[in-house]
Amino acid sequence: MRPLNLTRLLERSSYVRRIYMKITNMSQVTTKLGDKGYSSNYVQEKYRKDNILFDVLGTNDELSSWLGLTYHYSQYEPILKFQAALQSMNTLIATNPDADHPNAKLTQTFNEEALKFLEDEEQRLLLEKPIEARFVLPGSEASLTGAYFDMSRSVCRRAERKIVKFIAETKREDLWLALKYINRLSDLLFVLARTK
């Protein structure tokens, strides 16, 4: 798959270019485009801000924020990969693949390789430090770092539920890999909460 080409995207979309320039230069963060309760997806289709699309994107963003906080407590480098994968996933989710728009045809960097990394990392950690098969009290039985991993895991599980609902409501068959990724990530975060 070809990675997302920001230069090409900026050349094709004046709207994206205008927003990108405002944000890149930080001359103005406020665009006022959502003041009436609507926002657009990646192919400029407008939706109310309470649409499940933004619920999914917002939950993934919250997860990424928790992961960022967890990174500062744990210094566990793969978290940065998780955050990058979540950004790619959000781009995929925010893009209607059936839209007649150049952005709909852009390929994503989100792929099976990211999923395999999670599975391999979980197995590596469990071989290093097996965990007891029992119910645990999230955040209470581990270290402070473990509590941050538990918090990230809880948000990850919520993101998973939101993606399941989004797939069901939109019939987005292209998102099954995203769902698998979130499912594996929550499993890995559970292991990390017990081993870090």
N, C-alpha and C. Protein backbone atom coordinates (compact mmCIF):
# COMPACT_ATOMS: atom_id res chain seq x y z
N MET A 1 0.83 -1.19 0.00
CA MET A 1 0.00 0.00 0.00
C MET A 1 0.87 1.25 0.00
N ARG A 2 0.38 2.26 -0.67
CA ARG A 2 1.10 3.52 -0.76
C ARG A 2 0.77 4.37 0.47
N PRO A 3 1.76 4.99 1.13
CA PRO A 3 1.46 5.84 2.28
C PRO A 3 0.71 7.11 1.86
N LEU A 4 0.04 7.70 2.80
CA LEU A 4 -0.71 8.93 2.57
C LEU A 4 0.25 10.01 2.11
N ASN A 5 -0.04 10.66 0.99
CA ASN A 5 0.82 11.68 0.42
C ASN A 5 0.19 13.04 0.69
N LEU A 6 0.69 13.72 1.73
CA LEU A 6 0.12 15.00 2.13
C LEU A 6 0.27 16.05 1.04
N THR A 7 1.40 16.05 0.34
CA THR A 7 1.60 17.04 -0.73
C THR A 7 0.54 16.89 -1.81
N ARG A 8 0.29 15.65 -2.22
CA ARG A 8 -0.72 15.41 -3.25
C ARG A 8 -2.11 15.81 -2.76
N LEU A 9 -2.38 15.50 -1.51
CA LEU A 9 -3.68 15.86 -0.94
C LEU A 9 -3.86 17.38 -0.93
N LEU A 10 -2.81 18.11 -0.55
CA LEU A 10 -2.91 19.56 -0.50
C LEU A 10 -3.10 20.16 -1.89
N GLU A 11 -2.49 19.54 -2.90
CA GLU A 11 -2.65 20.02 -4.27
C GLU A 11 -4.08 19.81 -4.77
N ARG A 12 -4.73 18.73 -4.35
CA ARG A 12 -6.05 18.37 -4.86
C ARG A 12 -7.20 19.05 -4.13
N SER A 13 -7.02 19.44 -2.90
CA SER A 13 -8.14 19.94 -2.12
C SER A 13 -7.85 21.32 -1.55
N SER A 14 -8.54 22.32 -2.07
CA SER A 14 -8.34 23.67 -1.56
C SER A 14 -8.82 23.79 -0.12
N TYR A 15 -9.89 23.06 0.23
CA TYR A 15 -10.41 23.10 1.60
C TYR A 15 -9.36 22.56 2.57
N VAL A 16 -8.81 21.38 2.27
CA VAL A 16 -7.79 20.79 3.14
C VAL A 16 -6.57 21.69 3.19
N ARG A 17 -6.18 22.27 2.05
CA ARG A 17 -5.02 23.16 2.01
C ARG A 17 -5.23 24.37 2.91
N ARG A 18 -6.44 24.94 2.86
CA ARG A 18 -6.73 26.12 3.68
C ARG A 18 -6.66 25.78 5.17
N ILE A 19 -7.26 24.66 5.57
CA ILE A 19 -7.22 24.26 6.97
C ILE A 19 -5.80 23.89 7.38
N TYR A 20 -5.10 23.14 6.52
CA TYR A 20 -3.74 22.72 6.83
C TYR A 20 -2.84 23.93 7.04
N MET A 21 -2.96 24.93 6.18
CA MET A 21 -2.10 26.11 6.30
C MET A 21 -2.37 26.85 7.59
N LYS A 22 -3.64 26.95 7.96
CA LYS A 22 -3.96 27.63 9.22
C LYS A 22 -3.36 26.89 10.40
N ILE A 23 -3.49 25.57 10.38
CA ILE A 23 -3.00 24.79 11.51
C ILE A 23 -1.48 24.68 11.48
N THR A 24 -0.89 24.46 10.29
CA THR A 24 0.56 24.31 10.18
C THR A 24 1.27 25.57 10.64
N ASN A 25 0.77 26.70 10.22
CA ASN A 25 1.41 27.96 10.58
C ASN A 25 1.00 28.42 11.97
N MET A 26 -0.03 27.80 12.53
CA MET A 26 -0.56 28.16 13.84
C MET A 26 -0.90 29.65 13.93
N SER A 27 -1.19 30.24 12.80
CA SER A 27 -1.63 31.63 12.82
C SER A 27 -3.06 31.70 13.32
N GLN A 28 -3.78 30.60 13.17
CA GLN A 28 -5.16 30.55 13.64
C GLN A 28 -5.57 29.10 13.77
N VAL A 29 -5.99 28.70 14.97
CA VAL A 29 -6.46 27.34 15.19
C VAL A 29 -7.96 27.28 14.95
N THR A 30 -8.66 28.33 15.32
CA THR A 30 -10.11 28.36 15.17
C THR A 30 -10.49 28.59 13.72
N THR A 31 -11.28 27.68 13.15
CA THR A 31 -11.74 27.82 11.77
C THR A 31 -13.20 28.27 11.69
N LYS A 32 -13.95 28.09 12.77
CA LYS A 32 -15.38 28.44 12.86
C LYS A 32 -16.26 27.61 11.93
N LEU A 33 -15.68 26.58 11.31
CA LEU A 33 -16.46 25.77 10.37
C LEU A 33 -17.47 24.87 11.08
N GLY A 34 -17.28 24.63 12.37
CA GLY A 34 -18.19 23.75 13.10
C GLY A 34 -19.11 24.47 14.06
N ASP A 35 -19.20 25.78 13.94
CA ASP A 35 -19.99 26.56 14.89
C ASP A 35 -21.49 26.28 14.85
N LYS A 36 -21.98 25.70 13.80
CA LYS A 36 -23.42 25.41 13.70
C LYS A 36 -23.72 23.95 14.02
N GLY A 37 -22.74 23.25 14.61
CA GLY A 37 -22.97 21.87 15.03
C GLY A 37 -22.74 20.83 13.97
N TYR A 38 -22.08 21.22 12.88
CA TYR A 38 -21.78 20.27 11.81
C TYR A 38 -20.28 20.22 11.57
N SER A 39 -19.84 19.10 11.08
CA SER A 39 -18.44 18.95 10.68
C SER A 39 -18.41 18.03 9.47
N SER A 40 -17.25 17.91 8.86
CA SER A 40 -17.13 17.11 7.63
C SER A 40 -16.18 15.95 7.85
N ASN A 41 -16.42 14.90 7.09
CA ASN A 41 -15.46 13.80 7.09
C ASN A 41 -14.34 14.14 6.11
N TYR A 42 -13.50 13.16 5.81
CA TYR A 42 -12.31 13.39 5.00
C TYR A 42 -12.62 13.65 3.54
N VAL A 43 -13.84 13.34 3.10
CA VAL A 43 -14.23 13.60 1.72
C VAL A 43 -15.30 14.70 1.64
N GLN A 44 -15.33 15.54 2.66
CA GLN A 44 -16.16 16.75 2.72
C GLN A 44 -17.66 16.48 2.76
N GLU A 45 -18.08 15.33 3.26
CA GLU A 45 -19.50 15.08 3.50
C GLU A 45 -19.82 15.61 4.89
N LYS A 46 -20.87 16.41 4.99
CA LYS A 46 -21.20 17.05 6.27
C LYS A 46 -22.11 16.16 7.11
N TYR A 47 -21.82 16.16 8.42
CA TYR A 47 -22.61 15.42 9.40
C TYR A 47 -22.76 16.28 10.65
N ARG A 48 -23.84 16.01 11.39
CA ARG A 48 -23.96 16.65 12.70
C ARG A 48 -22.83 16.15 13.59
N LYS A 49 -22.39 16.99 14.50
CA LYS A 49 -21.26 16.62 15.35
C LYS A 49 -21.57 15.49 16.32
N ASP A 50 -22.87 15.19 16.51
CA ASP A 50 -23.21 14.06 17.38
C ASP A 50 -23.36 12.76 16.60
N ASN A 51 -23.00 12.76 15.32
CA ASN A 51 -23.04 11.56 14.49
C ASN A 51 -22.04 10.54 15.04
N ILE A 52 -22.37 9.27 14.89
CA ILE A 52 -21.49 8.21 15.40
C ILE A 52 -20.08 8.28 14.81
N LEU A 53 -19.95 8.82 13.60
CA LEU A 53 -18.63 8.98 13.00
C LEU A 53 -17.71 9.75 13.95
N PHE A 54 -18.20 10.87 14.46
CA PHE A 54 -17.37 11.70 15.32
C PHE A 54 -17.22 11.09 16.72
N ASP A 55 -18.19 10.27 17.10
CA ASP A 55 -18.08 9.54 18.36
C ASP A 55 -16.91 8.55 18.26
N VAL A 56 -16.82 7.85 17.15
CA VAL A 56 -15.72 6.90 16.93
C VAL A 56 -14.39 7.64 16.87
N LEU A 57 -14.33 8.68 16.05
CA LEU A 57 -13.08 9.44 15.91
C LEU A 57 -12.64 10.05 17.23
N GLY A 58 -13.60 10.58 17.97
CA GLY A 58 -13.29 11.20 19.26
C GLY A 58 -12.81 10.19 20.29
N THR A 59 -13.42 9.01 20.29
CA THR A 59 -12.99 7.97 21.23
C THR A 59 -11.58 7.50 20.89
N ASN A 60 -11.28 7.34 19.61
CA ASN A 60 -9.91 6.97 19.22
C ASN A 60 -8.92 8.07 19.59
N ASP A 61 -9.34 9.32 19.46
CA ASP A 61 -8.48 10.44 19.85
C ASP A 61 -8.24 10.43 21.36
N GLU A 62 -9.30 10.15 22.13
CA GLU A 62 -9.15 10.05 23.58
C GLU A 62 -8.20 8.91 23.93
N LEU A 63 -8.34 7.78 23.25
CA LEU A 63 -7.43 6.66 23.47
C LEU A 63 -5.99 7.07 23.20
N SER A 64 -5.77 7.76 22.10
CA SER A 64 -4.42 8.20 21.77
C SER A 64 -3.87 9.15 22.83
N SER A 65 -4.72 10.00 23.38
CA SER A 65 -4.28 10.91 24.44
C SER A 65 -3.89 10.13 25.70
N TRP A 66 -4.69 9.14 26.06
CA TRP A 66 -4.35 8.30 27.22
C TRP A 66 -3.06 7.53 26.96
N LEU A 67 -2.89 7.05 25.74
CA LEU A 67 -1.65 6.36 25.42
C LEU A 67 -0.45 7.30 25.52
N GLY A 68 -0.63 8.55 25.09
CA GLY A 68 0.44 9.53 25.22
C GLY A 68 0.83 9.76 26.67
N LEU A 69 -0.17 9.87 27.53
CA LEU A 69 0.09 10.03 28.96
C LEU A 69 0.79 8.78 29.51
N THR A 70 0.31 7.62 29.10
CA THR A 70 0.90 6.36 29.54
C THR A 70 2.36 6.26 29.10
N TYR A 71 2.63 6.74 27.90
CA TYR A 71 4.01 6.73 27.40
C TYR A 71 4.94 7.51 28.34
N HIS A 72 4.48 8.65 28.81
CA HIS A 72 5.33 9.48 29.68
C HIS A 72 5.59 8.81 31.02
N TYR A 73 4.69 7.97 31.47
CA TYR A 73 4.90 7.24 32.72
C TYR A 73 5.69 5.96 32.51
N SER A 74 5.57 5.35 31.34
CA SER A 74 6.17 4.04 31.12
C SER A 74 7.44 4.06 30.28
N GLN A 75 7.57 5.06 29.42
CA GLN A 75 8.66 5.11 28.44
C GLN A 75 8.67 3.87 27.55
N TYR A 76 7.50 3.28 27.35
CA TYR A 76 7.35 2.10 26.50
C TYR A 76 7.21 2.59 25.06
N GLU A 77 8.30 2.49 24.31
CA GLU A 77 8.40 3.07 22.96
C GLU A 77 7.31 2.63 21.98
N PRO A 78 6.86 1.36 21.98
CA PRO A 78 5.84 0.98 21.00
C PRO A 78 4.54 1.79 21.08
N ILE A 79 4.31 2.47 22.18
CA ILE A 79 3.11 3.32 22.27
C ILE A 79 3.07 4.31 21.12
N LEU A 80 4.22 4.81 20.72
CA LEU A 80 4.26 5.77 19.61
C LEU A 80 3.76 5.12 18.32
N LYS A 81 4.04 3.83 18.14
CA LYS A 81 3.51 3.09 16.98
C LYS A 81 1.99 2.96 17.09
N PHE A 82 1.51 2.71 18.31
CA PHE A 82 0.06 2.58 18.50
C PHE A 82 -0.64 3.89 18.13
N GLN A 83 -0.06 5.00 18.57
CA GLN A 83 -0.67 6.30 18.27
C GLN A 83 -0.67 6.58 16.76
N ALA A 84 0.42 6.24 16.10
CA ALA A 84 0.48 6.43 14.64
C ALA A 84 -0.56 5.55 13.94
N ALA A 85 -0.72 4.33 14.41
CA ALA A 85 -1.73 3.43 13.83
C ALA A 85 -3.13 3.99 14.05
N LEU A 86 -3.39 4.57 15.22
CA LEU A 86 -4.70 5.16 15.49
C LEU A 86 -4.97 6.35 14.56
N GLN A 87 -3.94 7.13 14.26
CA GLN A 87 -4.13 8.24 13.32
C GLN A 87 -4.48 7.72 11.93
N SER A 88 -3.77 6.69 11.49
CA SER A 88 -4.09 6.09 10.18
C SER A 88 -5.49 5.51 10.19
N MET A 89 -5.85 4.87 11.30
CA MET A 89 -7.19 4.30 11.42
C MET A 89 -8.25 5.38 11.35
N ASN A 90 -8.03 6.50 12.03
CA ASN A 90 -9.01 7.58 11.99
C ASN A 90 -9.16 8.16 10.59
N THR A 91 -8.06 8.23 9.84
CA THR A 91 -8.15 8.69 8.46
C THR A 91 -9.02 7.73 7.65
N LEU A 92 -8.81 6.45 7.85
CA LEU A 92 -9.61 5.43 7.15
C LEU A 92 -11.08 5.54 7.53
N ILE A 93 -11.36 5.66 8.82
CA ILE A 93 -12.75 5.75 9.30
C ILE A 93 -13.43 7.01 8.76
N ALA A 94 -12.69 8.11 8.70
CA ALA A 94 -13.26 9.39 8.28
C ALA A 94 -13.35 9.53 6.76
N THR A 95 -13.00 8.48 6.03
CA THR A 95 -13.04 8.53 4.57
C THR A 95 -14.11 7.57 4.06
N ASN A 96 -15.13 8.12 3.43
CA ASN A 96 -16.15 7.29 2.80
C ASN A 96 -15.55 6.74 1.51
N PRO A 97 -15.29 5.43 1.42
CA PRO A 97 -14.62 4.90 0.24
C PRO A 97 -15.46 4.97 -1.03
N ASP A 98 -16.76 5.17 -0.89
CA ASP A 98 -17.65 5.23 -2.06
C ASP A 98 -17.87 6.65 -2.58
N ALA A 99 -17.30 7.62 -1.91
CA ALA A 99 -17.52 9.01 -2.30
C ALA A 99 -16.79 9.35 -3.60
N ASP A 100 -17.36 10.27 -4.35
CA ASP A 100 -16.74 10.75 -5.57
C ASP A 100 -15.85 11.94 -5.19
N HIS A 101 -14.72 11.62 -4.59
CA HIS A 101 -13.80 12.64 -4.09
C HIS A 101 -12.39 12.05 -4.15
N PRO A 102 -11.38 12.85 -4.49
CA PRO A 102 -10.01 12.32 -4.59
C PRO A 102 -9.53 11.65 -3.31
N ASN A 103 -9.92 12.17 -2.15
CA ASN A 103 -9.46 11.59 -0.89
C ASN A 103 -9.96 10.17 -0.69
N ALA A 104 -11.08 9.82 -1.32
CA ALA A 104 -11.66 8.48 -1.14
C ALA A 104 -10.76 7.41 -1.74
N LYS A 105 -9.90 7.78 -2.64
CA LYS A 105 -9.06 6.80 -3.32
C LYS A 105 -7.66 6.69 -2.71
N LEU A 106 -7.37 7.51 -1.72
CA LEU A 106 -6.04 7.47 -1.11
C LEU A 106 -5.88 6.18 -0.32
N THR A 107 -4.74 5.54 -0.45
CA THR A 107 -4.49 4.32 0.32
C THR A 107 -3.98 4.69 1.70
N GLN A 108 -4.16 3.78 2.61
CA GLN A 108 -3.79 4.03 4.00
C GLN A 108 -2.54 3.25 4.38
N THR A 109 -1.85 3.73 5.38
CA THR A 109 -0.68 3.02 5.90
C THR A 109 -1.10 2.00 6.95
N PHE A 110 -2.38 1.96 7.27
CA PHE A 110 -2.89 1.01 8.26
C PHE A 110 -3.01 -0.36 7.60
N ASN A 111 -2.31 -1.37 8.14
CA ASN A 111 -2.29 -2.67 7.47
C ASN A 111 -2.10 -3.82 8.45
N GLU A 112 -2.02 -5.02 7.90
CA GLU A 112 -1.87 -6.25 8.71
C GLU A 112 -0.57 -6.25 9.52
N GLU A 113 0.44 -5.56 9.04
CA GLU A 113 1.72 -5.53 9.75
C GLU A 113 1.55 -4.92 11.15
N ALA A 114 0.74 -3.89 11.26
CA ALA A 114 0.49 -3.27 12.56
C ALA A 114 -0.19 -4.26 13.50
N LEU A 115 -1.11 -5.04 12.97
CA LEU A 115 -1.82 -6.05 13.76
C LEU A 115 -0.85 -7.13 14.23
N LYS A 116 0.01 -7.59 13.35
CA LYS A 116 0.98 -8.64 13.69
C LYS A 116 1.92 -8.17 14.79
N PHE A 117 2.32 -6.91 14.75
CA PHE A 117 3.21 -6.39 15.79
C PHE A 117 2.55 -6.55 17.17
N LEU A 118 1.26 -6.22 17.27
CA LEU A 118 0.56 -6.33 18.55
C LEU A 118 0.55 -7.78 19.05
N GLU A 119 0.24 -8.70 18.15
CA GLU A 119 0.18 -10.11 18.53
C GLU A 119 1.55 -10.63 18.97
N ASP A 120 2.59 -10.27 18.23
CA ASP A 120 3.94 -10.71 18.57
C ASP A 120 4.40 -10.11 19.90
N GLU A 121 4.08 -8.85 20.12
CA GLU A 121 4.49 -8.18 21.35
C GLU A 121 3.79 -8.78 22.56
N GLU A 122 2.52 -9.10 22.42
CA GLU A 122 1.78 -9.74 23.52
C GLU A 122 2.44 -11.07 23.88
N GLN A 123 2.75 -11.88 22.88
CA GLN A 123 3.38 -13.17 23.14
C GLN A 123 4.75 -13.01 23.78
N ARG A 124 5.51 -12.03 23.32
CA ARG A 124 6.84 -11.79 23.89
C ARG A 124 6.74 -11.45 25.37
N LEU A 125 5.82 -10.56 25.71
CA LEU A 125 5.66 -10.14 27.11
C LEU A 125 5.19 -11.30 27.99
N LEU A 126 4.26 -12.10 27.48
CA LEU A 126 3.75 -13.23 28.26
C LEU A 126 4.81 -14.30 28.47
N LEU A 127 5.72 -14.46 27.52
CA LEU A 127 6.82 -15.40 27.71
C LEU A 127 7.80 -14.89 28.76
N GLU A 128 8.03 -13.57 28.76
CA GLU A 128 8.94 -12.97 29.73
C GLU A 128 8.37 -13.01 31.14
N LYS A 129 7.07 -12.72 31.25
CA LYS A 129 6.44 -12.63 32.57
C LYS A 129 4.99 -13.12 32.47
N PRO A 130 4.78 -14.43 32.64
CA PRO A 130 3.41 -14.95 32.57
C PRO A 130 2.53 -14.29 33.63
N ILE A 131 1.25 -14.12 33.30
CA ILE A 131 0.33 -13.53 34.27
C ILE A 131 -0.71 -14.57 34.69
N GLU A 132 -1.14 -14.44 35.93
CA GLU A 132 -2.11 -15.38 36.50
C GLU A 132 -3.48 -15.18 35.85
N ALA A 133 -4.15 -16.28 35.53
CA ALA A 133 -5.48 -16.23 34.91
C ALA A 133 -6.53 -16.02 36.00
N ARG A 134 -6.88 -14.77 36.25
CA ARG A 134 -7.89 -14.43 37.25
C ARG A 134 -8.40 -13.03 36.99
N PHE A 135 -9.53 -12.70 37.59
CA PHE A 135 -10.04 -11.33 37.49
C PHE A 135 -9.17 -10.42 38.34
N VAL A 136 -8.95 -9.22 37.84
CA VAL A 136 -8.11 -8.25 38.56
C VAL A 136 -8.88 -6.96 38.74
N LEU A 137 -8.44 -6.18 39.70
CA LEU A 137 -9.01 -4.85 39.91
C LEU A 137 -8.21 -3.86 39.07
N PRO A 138 -8.80 -3.30 38.03
CA PRO A 138 -8.05 -2.39 37.16
C PRO A 138 -7.44 -1.22 37.93
N GLY A 139 -6.18 -1.00 37.71
CA GLY A 139 -5.50 0.13 38.30
C GLY A 139 -5.13 -0.03 39.76
N SER A 140 -5.70 -1.01 40.44
CA SER A 140 -5.47 -1.16 41.87
C SER A 140 -4.38 -2.16 42.21
N GLU A 141 -4.20 -3.15 41.37
CA GLU A 141 -3.27 -4.23 41.70
C GLU A 141 -1.91 -4.05 41.03
N ALA A 142 -1.79 -3.07 40.21
CA ALA A 142 -0.54 -2.88 39.47
C ALA A 142 0.16 -1.63 39.98
N SER A 143 1.23 -1.28 39.31
CA SER A 143 1.95 -0.05 39.62
C SER A 143 1.17 1.15 39.08
N LEU A 144 1.67 2.34 39.35
CA LEU A 144 1.05 3.53 38.77
C LEU A 144 1.10 3.44 37.24
N THR A 145 2.22 2.97 36.72
CA THR A 145 2.32 2.78 35.27
C THR A 145 1.27 1.79 34.79
N GLY A 146 1.10 0.70 35.53
CA GLY A 146 0.09 -0.29 35.18
C GLY A 146 -1.31 0.30 35.19
N ALA A 147 -1.55 1.22 36.13
CA ALA A 147 -2.87 1.87 36.20
C ALA A 147 -3.12 2.70 34.94
N TYR A 148 -2.09 3.35 34.42
CA TYR A 148 -2.25 4.12 33.18
C TYR A 148 -2.53 3.19 32.00
N PHE A 149 -1.85 2.06 31.96
CA PHE A 149 -2.15 1.07 30.91
C PHE A 149 -3.59 0.58 31.04
N ASP A 150 -4.06 0.37 32.29
CA ASP A 150 -5.44 -0.07 32.50
C ASP A 150 -6.43 0.99 32.02
N MET A 151 -6.14 2.24 32.29
CA MET A 151 -7.04 3.32 31.83
C MET A 151 -7.09 3.35 30.31
N SER A 152 -5.93 3.23 29.69
CA SER A 152 -5.88 3.18 28.22
C SER A 152 -6.66 1.99 27.69
N ARG A 153 -6.54 0.85 28.36
CA ARG A 153 -7.27 -0.36 27.95
C ARG A 153 -8.77 -0.14 28.03
N SER A 154 -9.24 0.51 29.09
CA SER A 154 -10.68 0.76 29.24
C SER A 154 -11.21 1.63 28.11
N VAL A 155 -10.46 2.67 27.76
CA VAL A 155 -10.87 3.54 26.65
C VAL A 155 -10.80 2.77 25.33
N CYS A 156 -9.81 1.89 25.21
CA CYS A 156 -9.67 1.07 24.00
C CYS A 156 -10.89 0.16 23.83
N ARG A 157 -11.38 -0.42 24.92
CA ARG A 157 -12.57 -1.27 24.85
C ARG A 157 -13.80 -0.46 24.41
N ARG A 158 -13.88 0.77 24.90
CA ARG A 158 -15.00 1.63 24.47
C ARG A 158 -14.87 1.94 22.98
N ALA A 159 -13.64 2.22 22.53
CA ALA A 159 -13.42 2.47 21.10
C ALA A 159 -13.85 1.26 20.28
N GLU A 160 -13.57 0.08 20.78
CA GLU A 160 -13.97 -1.14 20.08
C GLU A 160 -15.49 -1.21 19.93
N ARG A 161 -16.22 -0.91 21.01
CA ARG A 161 -17.69 -0.94 20.94
C ARG A 161 -18.21 0.09 19.94
N LYS A 162 -17.59 1.26 19.92
CA LYS A 162 -18.01 2.31 18.98
C LYS A 162 -17.77 1.88 17.53
N ILE A 163 -16.63 1.24 17.27
CA ILE A 163 -16.33 0.80 15.91
C ILE A 163 -17.30 -0.29 15.47
N VAL A 164 -17.63 -1.21 16.37
CA VAL A 164 -18.61 -2.26 16.05
C VAL A 164 -19.93 -1.63 15.64
N LYS A 165 -20.38 -0.65 16.41
CA LYS A 165 -21.64 0.03 16.11
C LYS A 165 -21.54 0.79 14.78
N PHE A 166 -20.41 1.45 14.55
CA PHE A 166 -20.21 2.20 13.31
C PHE A 166 -20.25 1.28 12.10
N ILE A 167 -19.57 0.13 12.18
CA ILE A 167 -19.59 -0.83 11.08
C ILE A 167 -21.01 -1.30 10.82
N ALA A 168 -21.74 -1.61 11.88
CA ALA A 168 -23.12 -2.10 11.73
C ALA A 168 -24.02 -1.06 11.09
N GLU A 169 -23.88 0.20 11.50
CA GLU A 169 -24.75 1.26 10.99
C GLU A 169 -24.40 1.71 9.58
N THR A 170 -23.12 1.66 9.24
CA THR A 170 -22.68 2.20 7.94
C THR A 170 -22.36 1.11 6.91
N LYS A 171 -22.35 -0.13 7.35
CA LYS A 171 -22.00 -1.26 6.46
C LYS A 171 -20.60 -1.08 5.86
N ARG A 172 -19.69 -0.50 6.64
CA ARG A 172 -18.32 -0.27 6.20
C ARG A 172 -17.48 -1.54 6.35
N GLU A 173 -17.53 -2.40 5.36
CA GLU A 173 -16.81 -3.67 5.40
C GLU A 173 -15.29 -3.48 5.37
N ASP A 174 -14.84 -2.28 5.00
CA ASP A 174 -13.41 -2.01 4.94
C ASP A 174 -12.80 -1.76 6.32
N LEU A 175 -13.60 -1.80 7.37
CA LEU A 175 -13.11 -1.46 8.70
C LEU A 175 -12.87 -2.67 9.61
N TRP A 176 -13.00 -3.89 9.08
CA TRP A 176 -12.80 -5.06 9.93
C TRP A 176 -11.38 -5.14 10.46
N LEU A 177 -10.39 -4.74 9.68
CA LEU A 177 -9.01 -4.75 10.16
C LEU A 177 -8.84 -3.75 11.31
N ALA A 178 -9.49 -2.60 11.20
CA ALA A 178 -9.44 -1.61 12.28
C ALA A 178 -10.02 -2.20 13.57
N LEU A 179 -11.12 -2.92 13.45
CA LEU A 179 -11.72 -3.54 14.62
C LEU A 179 -10.78 -4.59 15.22
N LYS A 180 -10.18 -5.40 14.38
CA LYS A 180 -9.22 -6.40 14.87
C LYS A 180 -8.06 -5.73 15.60
N TYR A 181 -7.58 -4.62 15.02
CA TYR A 181 -6.45 -3.91 15.62
C TYR A 181 -6.82 -3.42 17.02
N ILE A 182 -7.97 -2.79 17.15
CA ILE A 182 -8.40 -2.27 18.45
C ILE A 182 -8.57 -3.42 19.45
N ASN A 183 -9.11 -4.53 19.00
CA ASN A 183 -9.29 -5.69 19.87
C ASN A 183 -7.94 -6.20 20.37
N ARG A 184 -6.97 -6.35 19.46
CA ARG A 184 -5.64 -6.82 19.87
C ARG A 184 -4.93 -5.80 20.75
N LEU A 185 -5.13 -4.51 20.44
CA LEU A 185 -4.50 -3.48 21.25
C LEU A 185 -5.00 -3.54 22.69
N SER A 186 -6.30 -3.72 22.88
CA SER A 186 -6.82 -3.79 24.25
C SER A 186 -6.27 -5.01 24.98
N ASP A 187 -6.10 -6.13 24.26
CA ASP A 187 -5.48 -7.31 24.88
C ASP A 187 -4.05 -7.00 25.31
N LEU A 188 -3.30 -6.37 24.43
CA LEU A 188 -1.91 -6.04 24.76
C LEU A 188 -1.85 -5.06 25.92
N LEU A 189 -2.74 -4.08 25.96
CA LEU A 189 -2.74 -3.12 27.06
C LEU A 189 -3.04 -3.82 28.39
N PHE A 190 -3.90 -4.83 28.37
CA PHE A 190 -4.17 -5.62 29.57
C PHE A 190 -2.88 -6.29 30.05
N VAL A 191 -2.16 -6.89 29.12
CA VAL A 191 -0.90 -7.56 29.47
C VAL A 191 0.11 -6.54 29.98
N LEU A 192 0.21 -5.41 29.32
CA LEU A 192 1.16 -4.37 29.74
C LEU A 192 0.85 -3.85 31.14
N ALA A 193 -0.42 -3.73 31.47
CA ALA A 193 -0.80 -3.27 32.81
C ALA A 193 -0.31 -4.23 33.88
N ARG A 194 -0.17 -5.48 33.53
CA ARG A 194 0.26 -6.49 34.50
C ARG A 194 1.76 -6.75 34.46
N THR A 195 2.44 -6.31 33.41
CA THR A 195 3.86 -6.66 33.26
C THR A 195 4.81 -5.47 33.31
N LYS A 196 4.30 -4.27 33.25
CA LYS A 196 5.19 -3.09 33.25
C LYS A 196 5.16 -2.38 34.59
